Amino acid sequence: MNSPMIQLLVLVSIAVFLILRLKNVLGTREGFEKPPVADQTSQRRGGPALEVIEGGPDLDIADHVPEDSDAGKALARMKRIEPSFGVSDFLGGARGAYEMIVMGYEKGELAQIQPFLSEEIYESFVDGVAAREDQGLTIEANFIGVRETELVDARLDDATNEAELKIRFVAELTSAVRDAGGDIIEGSTKEIKRQKDTWVFARIMGSDDPNWMLVSTDG
């Protein structure tokens, strides 16, 4: 075998060797492939299992009253009648209703809050506003905010599905009573006072009317 042929065979052997080495190192990917993703399934299996236990505590109730109390049991029955009902959601709405009702009464603007008042409460508000007007008195009030909202009690009439929720509010506001001449005879426009009220809201659970009505103001 002549020398050129031997050199050619040596070069071919080297080329084949290099190709095989590159194939082993780089694999057989083609085109622009995404990098390999670790198998997260096996990783998840290795971690602690999260098990949902049916019949566990309802935190929406337990965060406000003991579940085994009369109030807790009443709330549970309310939620069975109306699954969309949430205690925390109700308390959030009650905060807004409290401010709206307080300021509606202070300003004598009862029309917008009437749908949220029982007939007895509405009539008492009307009498209070009328008495102020007869004396020529006006109230200048500024609502600062609700500082505390606490569920005190909950009851459900199983015969009528009427629910009652007693809520304790602690709010801050300024309030001044002016006489017909505009002079302040009570309160202050600058001094912030803390006001505490315990109100009872009622509603027929499962009814089409979503509004809770104020039925009692225990003070």
C-alpha atoms as a PDB file:
ATOM      1  CA  MET A   1       0.000   0.000   0.000  1.00  0.00           C
ATOM      2  CA  ASN A   2       1.456   3.287  -1.067  1.00  0.00           C
ATOM      3  CA  SER A   3       2.024   6.205   1.285  1.00  0.00           C
ATOM      4  CA  PRO A   4      -0.842   8.486   0.094  1.00  0.00           C
ATOM      5  CA  MET A   5      -3.369   5.689   0.641  1.00  0.00           C
ATOM      6  CA  ILE A   6      -2.059   5.065   4.171  1.00  0.00           C
ATOM      7  CA  GLN A   7      -2.304   8.776   4.998  1.00  0.00           C
ATOM      8  CA  LEU A   8      -5.914   8.874   3.689  1.00  0.00           C
ATOM      9  CA  LEU A   9      -6.936   5.900   5.826  1.00  0.00           C
ATOM     10  CA  VAL A  10      -5.374   7.503   8.880  1.00  0.00           C
ATOM     11  CA  LEU A  11      -7.278  10.762   8.271  1.00  0.00           C
ATOM     12  CA  VAL A  12     -10.578   8.901   7.759  1.00  0.00           C
ATOM     13  CA  SER A  13     -10.048   6.976  10.990  1.00  0.00           C
ATOM     14  CA  ILE A  14      -9.365  10.196  12.909  1.00  0.00           C
ATOM     15  CA  ALA A  15     -12.478  11.841  11.421  1.00  0.00           C
ATOM     16  CA  VAL A  16     -14.713   8.888  12.386  1.00  0.00           C
ATOM     17  CA  PHE A  17     -13.247   8.909  15.891  1.00  0.00           C
ATOM     18  CA  LEU A  18     -13.972  12.627  16.330  1.00  0.00           C
ATOM     19  CA  ILE A  19     -17.529  12.291  15.035  1.00  0.00           C
ATOM     20  CA  LEU A  20     -18.270   9.485  17.484  1.00  0.00           C
ATOM     21  CA  ARG A  21     -16.815  11.495  20.362  1.00  0.00           C
ATOM     22  CA  LEU A  22     -18.870  14.557  19.507  1.00  0.00           C
ATOM     23  CA  LYS A  23     -22.025  12.462  19.239  1.00  0.00           C
ATOM     24  CA  ASN A  24     -21.488  10.991  22.663  1.00  0.00           C
ATOM     25  CA  VAL A  25     -20.906  14.417  24.202  1.00  0.00           C
ATOM     26  CA  LEU A  26     -23.616  16.427  22.438  1.00  0.00           C
ATOM     27  CA  GLY A  27     -26.250  13.764  21.975  1.00  0.00           C
ATOM     28  CA  THR A  28     -28.657  13.761  19.038  1.00  0.00           C
ATOM     29  CA  ARG A  29     -30.686  17.034  19.536  1.00  0.00           C
ATOM     30  CA  GLU A  30     -31.838  18.865  16.486  1.00  0.00           C
ATOM     31  CA  GLY A  31     -32.866  22.493  16.120  1.00  0.00           C
ATOM     32  CA  PHE A  32     -33.529  24.927  19.037  1.00  0.00           C
ATOM     33  CA  GLU A  33     -34.642  22.672  21.857  1.00  0.00           C
ATOM     34  CA  LYS A  34     -35.584  23.824  25.361  1.00  0.00           C
ATOM     35  CA  PRO A  35     -33.253  22.784  28.168  1.00  0.00           C
ATOM     36  CA  PRO A  36     -34.376  19.697  30.070  1.00  0.00           C
ATOM     37  CA  VAL A  37     -36.856  20.335  32.890  1.00  0.00           C
ATOM     38  CA  ALA A  38     -36.466  18.425  36.128  1.00  0.00           C
ATOM     39  CA  ASP A  39     -39.234  15.982  36.920  1.00  0.00           C
ATOM     40  CA  GLN A  40     -41.203  17.961  39.475  1.00  0.00           C
ATOM     41  CA  THR A  41     -43.666  15.151  39.970  1.00  0.00           C
ATOM     42  CA  SER A  42     -41.114  13.011  41.754  1.00  0.00           C
ATOM     43  CA  GLN A  43     -40.020  16.020  43.825  1.00  0.00           C
ATOM     44  CA  ARG A  44     -43.568  16.730  44.922  1.00  0.00           C
ATOM     45  CA  ARG A  45     -44.078  13.117  45.844  1.00  0.00           C
ATOM     46  CA  GLY A  46     -41.069  13.285  48.097  1.00  0.00           C
ATOM     47  CA  GLY A  47     -42.442  16.282  50.052  1.00  0.00           C
ATOM     48  CA  PRO A  48     -45.116  16.271  52.743  1.00  0.00           C
ATOM     49  CA  ALA A  49     -48.576  15.413  51.468  1.00  0.00           C
ATOM     50  CA  LEU A  50     -51.291  18.044  51.816  1.00  0.00           C
ATOM     51  CA  GLU A  51     -54.504  16.355  52.787  1.00  0.00           C
ATOM     52  CA  VAL A  52     -57.861  18.113  52.791  1.00  0.00           C
ATOM     53  CA  ILE A  53     -59.875  16.796  55.687  1.00  0.00           C
ATOM     54  CA  GLU A  54     -63.618  16.968  55.180  1.00  0.00           C
ATOM     55  CA  GLY A  55     -65.549  18.097  58.211  1.00  0.00           C
ATOM     56  CA  GLY A  56     -62.634  20.178  59.505  1.00  0.00           C
ATOM     57  CA  PRO A  57     -63.083  23.524  61.256  1.00  0.00           C
ATOM     58  CA  ASP A  58     -64.808  26.312  59.347  1.00  0.00           C
ATOM     59  CA  LEU A  59     -62.372  29.160  59.924  1.00  0.00           C
ATOM     60  CA  ASP A  60     -64.900  31.657  58.603  1.00  0.00           C
ATOM     61  CA  ILE A  61     -66.889  30.892  61.750  1.00  0.00           C
ATOM     62  CA  ALA A  62     -64.123  29.890  64.156  1.00  0.00           C
ATOM     63  CA  ASP A  63     -62.259  33.162  63.587  1.00  0.00           C
ATOM     64  CA  HIS A  64     -65.177  35.024  65.177  1.00  0.00           C
ATOM     65  CA  VAL A  65     -66.992  32.710  67.604  1.00  0.00           C
ATOM     66  CA  PRO A  66     -66.412  29.170  68.921  1.00  0.00           C
ATOM     67  CA  GLU A  67     -67.926  26.692  66.469  1.00  0.00           C
ATOM     68  CA  ASP A  68     -69.551  24.656  69.247  1.00  0.00           C
ATOM     69  CA  SER A  69     -71.255  27.720  70.769  1.00  0.00           C
ATOM     70  CA  ASP A  70     -74.897  28.549  70.087  1.00  0.00           C
ATOM     71  CA  ALA A  71     -73.774  31.429  67.867  1.00  0.00           C
ATOM     72  CA  GLY A  72     -71.370  29.174  65.971  1.00  0.00           C
ATOM     73  CA  LYS A  73     -74.052  26.546  65.379  1.00  0.00           C
ATOM     74  CA  ALA A  74     -76.488  29.241  64.208  1.00  0.00           C
ATOM     75  CA  LEU A  75     -73.912  30.535  61.714  1.00  0.00           C
ATOM     76  CA  ALA A  76     -73.320  27.009  60.418  1.00  0.00           C
ATOM     77  CA  ARG A  77     -77.061  26.587  59.795  1.00  0.00           C
ATOM     78  CA  MET A  78     -77.144  29.948  57.991  1.00  0.00           C
ATOM     79  CA  LYS A  79     -74.371  28.772  55.680  1.00  0.00           C
ATOM     80  CA  ARG A  80     -76.191  25.522  54.956  1.00  0.00           C
ATOM     81  CA  ILE A  81     -79.287  27.471  53.940  1.00  0.00           C
ATOM     82  CA  GLU A  82     -77.269  29.973  51.932  1.00  0.00           C
ATOM     83  CA  PRO A  83     -73.829  28.602  50.959  1.00  0.00           C
ATOM     84  CA  SER A  84     -72.701  31.960  49.553  1.00  0.00           C
ATOM     85  CA  PHE A  85     -73.010  33.591  52.984  1.00  0.00           C
ATOM     86  CA  GLY A  86     -69.707  34.401  54.652  1.00  0.00           C
ATOM     87  CA  VAL A  87     -69.254  35.778  58.172  1.00  0.00           C
ATOM     88  CA  SER A  88     -66.139  37.779  57.296  1.00  0.00           C
ATOM     89  CA  ASP A  89     -67.815  39.168  54.179  1.00  0.00           C
ATOM     90  CA  PHE A  90     -70.826  40.193  56.251  1.00  0.00           C
ATOM     91  CA  LEU A  91     -68.682  42.000  58.825  1.00  0.00           C
ATOM     92  CA  GLY A  92     -66.915  43.885  56.046  1.00  0.00           C
ATOM     93  CA  GLY A  93     -70.273  44.995  54.666  1.00  0.00           C
ATOM     94  CA  ALA A  94     -71.520  45.869  58.154  1.00  0.00           C
ATOM     95  CA  ARG A  95     -68.634  48.305  58.626  1.00  0.00           C
ATOM     96  CA  GLY A  96     -69.674  50.186  55.507  1.00  0.00           C
ATOM     97  CA  ALA A  97     -73.351  50.084  56.474  1.00  0.00           C
ATOM     98  CA  TYR A  98     -72.546  51.430  59.942  1.00  0.00           C
ATOM     99  CA  GLU A  99     -70.779  54.499  58.561  1.00  0.00           C
ATOM    100  CA  MET A 100     -73.523  55.109  55.990  1.00  0.00           C
ATOM    101  CA  ILE A 101     -76.316  54.851  58.571  1.00  0.00           C
ATOM    102  CA  VAL A 102     -74.561  56.956  61.221  1.00  0.00           C
ATOM    103  CA  MET A 103     -73.778  59.744  58.780  1.00  0.00           C
ATOM    104  CA  GLY A 104     -77.224  59.532  57.188  1.00  0.00           C
ATOM    105  CA  TYR A 105     -78.819  60.141  60.575  1.00  0.00           C
ATOM    106  CA  GLU A 106     -76.355  62.854  61.604  1.00  0.00           C
ATOM    107  CA  LYS A 107     -77.004  64.789  58.389  1.00  0.00           C
ATOM    108  CA  GLY A 108     -80.735  64.076  58.389  1.00  0.00           C
ATOM    109  CA  GLU A 109     -80.513  62.335  55.012  1.00  0.00           C
ATOM    110  CA  LEU A 110     -82.722  59.328  55.680  1.00  0.00           C
ATOM    111  CA  ALA A 111     -83.952  58.470  52.190  1.00  0.00           C
ATOM    112  CA  GLN A 112     -80.762  56.678  51.147  1.00  0.00           C
ATOM    113  CA  ILE A 113     -80.550  54.589  54.312  1.00  0.00           C
ATOM    114  CA  GLN A 114     -84.246  53.709  54.630  1.00  0.00           C
ATOM    115  CA  PRO A 115     -83.873  50.365  52.737  1.00  0.00           C
ATOM    116  CA  PHE A 116     -81.438  49.226  55.447  1.00  0.00           C
ATOM    117  CA  LEU A 117     -83.640  50.127  58.419  1.00  0.00           C
ATOM    118  CA  SER A 118     -86.548  48.275  59.949  1.00  0.00           C
ATOM    119  CA  GLU A 119     -89.778  50.237  60.103  1.00  0.00           C
ATOM    120  CA  GLU A 120     -89.380  50.807  63.843  1.00  0.00           C
ATOM    121  CA  ILE A 121     -85.800  52.083  63.528  1.00  0.00           C
ATOM    122  CA  TYR A 122     -86.692  54.283  60.567  1.00  0.00           C
ATOM    123  CA  GLU A 123     -89.557  55.908  62.457  1.00  0.00           C
ATOM    124  CA  SER A 124     -87.310  56.583  65.452  1.00  0.00           C
ATOM    125  CA  PHE A 125     -84.760  58.222  63.124  1.00  0.00           C
ATOM    126  CA  VAL A 126     -87.479  60.350  61.551  1.00  0.00           C
ATOM    127  CA  ASP A 127     -88.634  61.503  64.977  1.00  0.00           C
ATOM    128  CA  GLY A 128     -85.067  62.356  66.002  1.00  0.00           C
ATOM    129  CA  VAL A 129     -84.371  64.391  62.872  1.00  0.00           C
ATOM    130  CA  ALA A 130     -87.739  66.169  63.156  1.00  0.00           C
ATOM    131  CA  ALA A 131     -87.026  67.105  66.798  1.00  0.00           C
ATOM    132  CA  ARG A 132     -83.721  68.670  65.777  1.00  0.00           C
ATOM    133  CA  GLU A 133     -85.318  70.624  62.982  1.00  0.00           C
ATOM    134  CA  ASP A 134     -88.082  71.912  65.285  1.00  0.00           C
ATOM    135  CA  GLN A 135     -85.397  73.349  67.564  1.00  0.00           C
ATOM    136  CA  GLY A 136     -83.437  74.796  64.671  1.00  0.00           C
ATOM    137  CA  LEU A 137     -80.484  72.543  65.394  1.00  0.00           C
ATOM    138  CA  THR A 138     -78.062  71.141  62.848  1.00  0.00           C
ATOM    139  CA  ILE A 139     -75.241  68.642  63.208  1.00  0.00           C
ATOM    140  CA  GLU A 140     -71.834  68.999  61.603  1.00  0.00           C
ATOM    141  CA  ALA A 141     -70.139  65.604  61.602  1.00  0.00           C
ATOM    142  CA  ASN A 142     -67.063  64.019  60.096  1.00  0.00           C
ATOM    143  CA  PHE A 143     -66.615  60.241  60.198  1.00  0.00           C
ATOM    144  CA  ILE A 144     -63.002  59.249  60.898  1.00  0.00           C
ATOM    145  CA  GLY A 145     -63.338  55.472  60.720  1.00  0.00           C
ATOM    146  CA  VAL A 146     -64.429  52.223  62.331  1.00  0.00           C
ATOM    147  CA  ARG A 147     -61.728  51.000  64.699  1.00  0.00           C
ATOM    148  CA  GLU A 148     -63.326  47.740  65.851  1.00  0.00           C
ATOM    149  CA  THR A 149     -65.989  45.403  64.519  1.00  0.00           C
ATOM    150  CA  GLU A 150     -66.893  42.396  66.649  1.00  0.00           C
ATOM    151  CA  LEU A 151     -69.509  39.704  66.191  1.00  0.00           C
ATOM    152  CA  VAL A 152     -71.216  39.457  69.585  1.00  0.00           C
ATOM    153  CA  ASP A 153     -73.985  36.958  68.886  1.00  0.00           C
ATOM    154  CA  ALA A 154     -75.807  35.135  66.097  1.00  0.00           C
ATOM    155  CA  ARG A 155     -79.261  33.593  66.078  1.00  0.00           C
ATOM    156  CA  LEU A 156     -81.401  31.785  63.520  1.00  0.00           C
ATOM    157  CA  ASP A 157     -85.113  31.090  63.709  1.00  0.00           C
ATOM    158  CA  ASP A 158     -85.382  27.635  62.151  1.00  0.00           C
ATOM    159  CA  ALA A 159     -89.109  28.119  61.497  1.00  0.00           C
ATOM    160  CA  THR A 160     -88.767  31.319  59.470  1.00  0.00           C
ATOM    161  CA  ASN A 161     -85.051  31.248  58.512  1.00  0.00           C
ATOM    162  CA  GLU A 162     -84.726  34.752  59.939  1.00  0.00           C
ATOM    163  CA  ALA A 163     -81.154  35.400  61.009  1.00  0.00           C
ATOM    164  CA  GLU A 164     -80.016  37.996  63.519  1.00  0.00           C
ATOM    165  CA  LEU A 165     -76.402  39.095  63.924  1.00  0.00           C
ATOM    166  CA  LYS A 166     -75.403  41.338  66.809  1.00  0.00           C
ATOM    167  CA  ILE A 167     -72.364  43.475  66.027  1.00  0.00           C
ATOM    168  CA  ARG A 168     -70.343  45.744  68.289  1.00  0.00           C
ATOM    169  CA  PHE A 169     -68.780  48.785  66.627  1.00  0.00           C
ATOM    170  CA  VAL A 170     -66.179  51.197  67.930  1.00  0.00           C
ATOM    171  CA  ALA A 171     -65.813  54.244  65.709  1.00  0.00           C
ATOM    172  CA  GLU A 172     -64.192  57.660  65.787  1.00  0.00           C
ATOM    173  CA  LEU A 173     -65.779  60.850  64.511  1.00  0.00           C
ATOM    174  CA  THR A 174     -66.169  64.529  65.171  1.00  0.00           C
ATOM    175  CA  SER A 175     -69.644  65.897  65.817  1.00  0.00           C
ATOM    176  CA  ALA A 176     -70.860  69.368  66.698  1.00  0.00           C
ATOM    177  CA  VAL A 177     -74.420  70.576  67.294  1.00  0.00           C
ATOM    178  CA  ARG A 178     -75.137  74.100  66.111  1.00  0.00           C
ATOM    179  CA  ASP A 179     -78.129  76.234  67.046  1.00  0.00           C
ATOM    180  CA  ALA A 180     -80.177  78.327  64.663  1.00  0.00           C
ATOM    181  CA  GLY A 181     -77.563  81.072  64.841  1.00  0.00           C
ATOM    182  CA  GLY A 182     -74.746  78.712  63.877  1.00  0.00           C
ATOM    183  CA  ASP A 183     -73.108  78.633  67.312  1.00  0.00           C
ATOM    184  CA  ILE A 184     -71.820  75.309  68.627  1.00  0.00           C
ATOM    185  CA  ILE A 185     -73.783  74.302  71.702  1.00  0.00           C
ATOM    186  CA  GLU A 186     -72.530  70.740  71.989  1.00  0.00           C
ATOM    187  CA  GLY A 187     -69.552  68.748  70.746  1.00  0.00           C
ATOM    188  CA  SER A 188     -66.658  69.965  68.654  1.00  0.00           C
ATOM    189  CA  THR A 189     -65.577  70.061  65.025  1.00  0.00           C
ATOM    190  CA  LYS A 190     -61.970  69.300  66.023  1.00  0.00           C
ATOM    191  CA  GLU A 191     -62.111  66.969  69.014  1.00  0.00           C
ATOM    192  CA  ILE A 192     -62.357  63.338  67.963  1.00  0.00           C
ATOM    193  CA  LYS A 193     -64.751  61.312  70.048  1.00  0.00           C
ATOM    194  CA  ARG A 194     -64.969  57.535  70.295  1.00  0.00           C
ATOM    195  CA  GLN A 195     -68.459  56.141  69.800  1.00  0.00           C
ATOM    196  CA  LYS A 196     -69.523  52.617  70.753  1.00  0.00           C
ATOM    197  CA  ASP A 197     -72.665  50.983  69.397  1.00  0.00           C
ATOM    198  CA  THR A 198     -74.094  47.475  69.455  1.00  0.00           C
ATOM    199  CA  TRP A 199     -76.457  46.923  66.566  1.00  0.00           C
ATOM    200  CA  VAL A 200     -78.545  43.957  65.467  1.00  0.00           C
ATOM    201  CA  PHE A 201     -79.006  43.238  61.759  1.00  0.00           C
ATOM    202  CA  ALA A 202     -81.633  40.803  60.488  1.00  0.00           C
ATOM    203  CA  ARG A 203     -82.429  39.048  57.230  1.00  0.00           C
ATOM    204  CA  ILE A 204     -84.334  36.027  55.920  1.00  0.00           C
ATOM    205  CA  MET A 205     -81.662  33.564  54.813  1.00  0.00           C
ATOM    206  CA  GLY A 206     -82.171  32.210  51.313  1.00  0.00           C
ATOM    207  CA  SER A 207     -84.376  35.119  50.250  1.00  0.00           C
ATOM    208  CA  ASP A 208     -83.854  37.077  47.041  1.00  0.00           C
ATOM    209  CA  ASP A 209     -83.343  40.316  48.966  1.00  0.00           C
ATOM    210  CA  PRO A 210     -79.626  40.534  49.817  1.00  0.00           C
ATOM    211  CA  ASN A 211     -79.992  43.494  52.189  1.00  0.00           C
ATOM    212  CA  TRP A 212     -79.606  43.103  55.936  1.00  0.00           C
ATOM    213  CA  MET A 213     -81.767  45.516  57.940  1.00  0.00           C
ATOM    214  CA  LEU A 214     -80.900  47.276  61.162  1.00  0.00           C
ATOM    215  CA  VAL A 215     -83.547  46.142  63.656  1.00  0.00           C
ATOM    216  CA  SER A 216     -82.065  47.199  66.989  1.00  0.00           C
ATOM    217  CA  THR A 217     -79.595  49.759  68.354  1.00  0.00           C
ATOM    218  CA  ASP A 218     -78.673  48.672  71.862  1.00  0.00           C
ATOM    219  CA  GLY A 219     -76.024  51.394  72.170  1.00  0.00           C
END
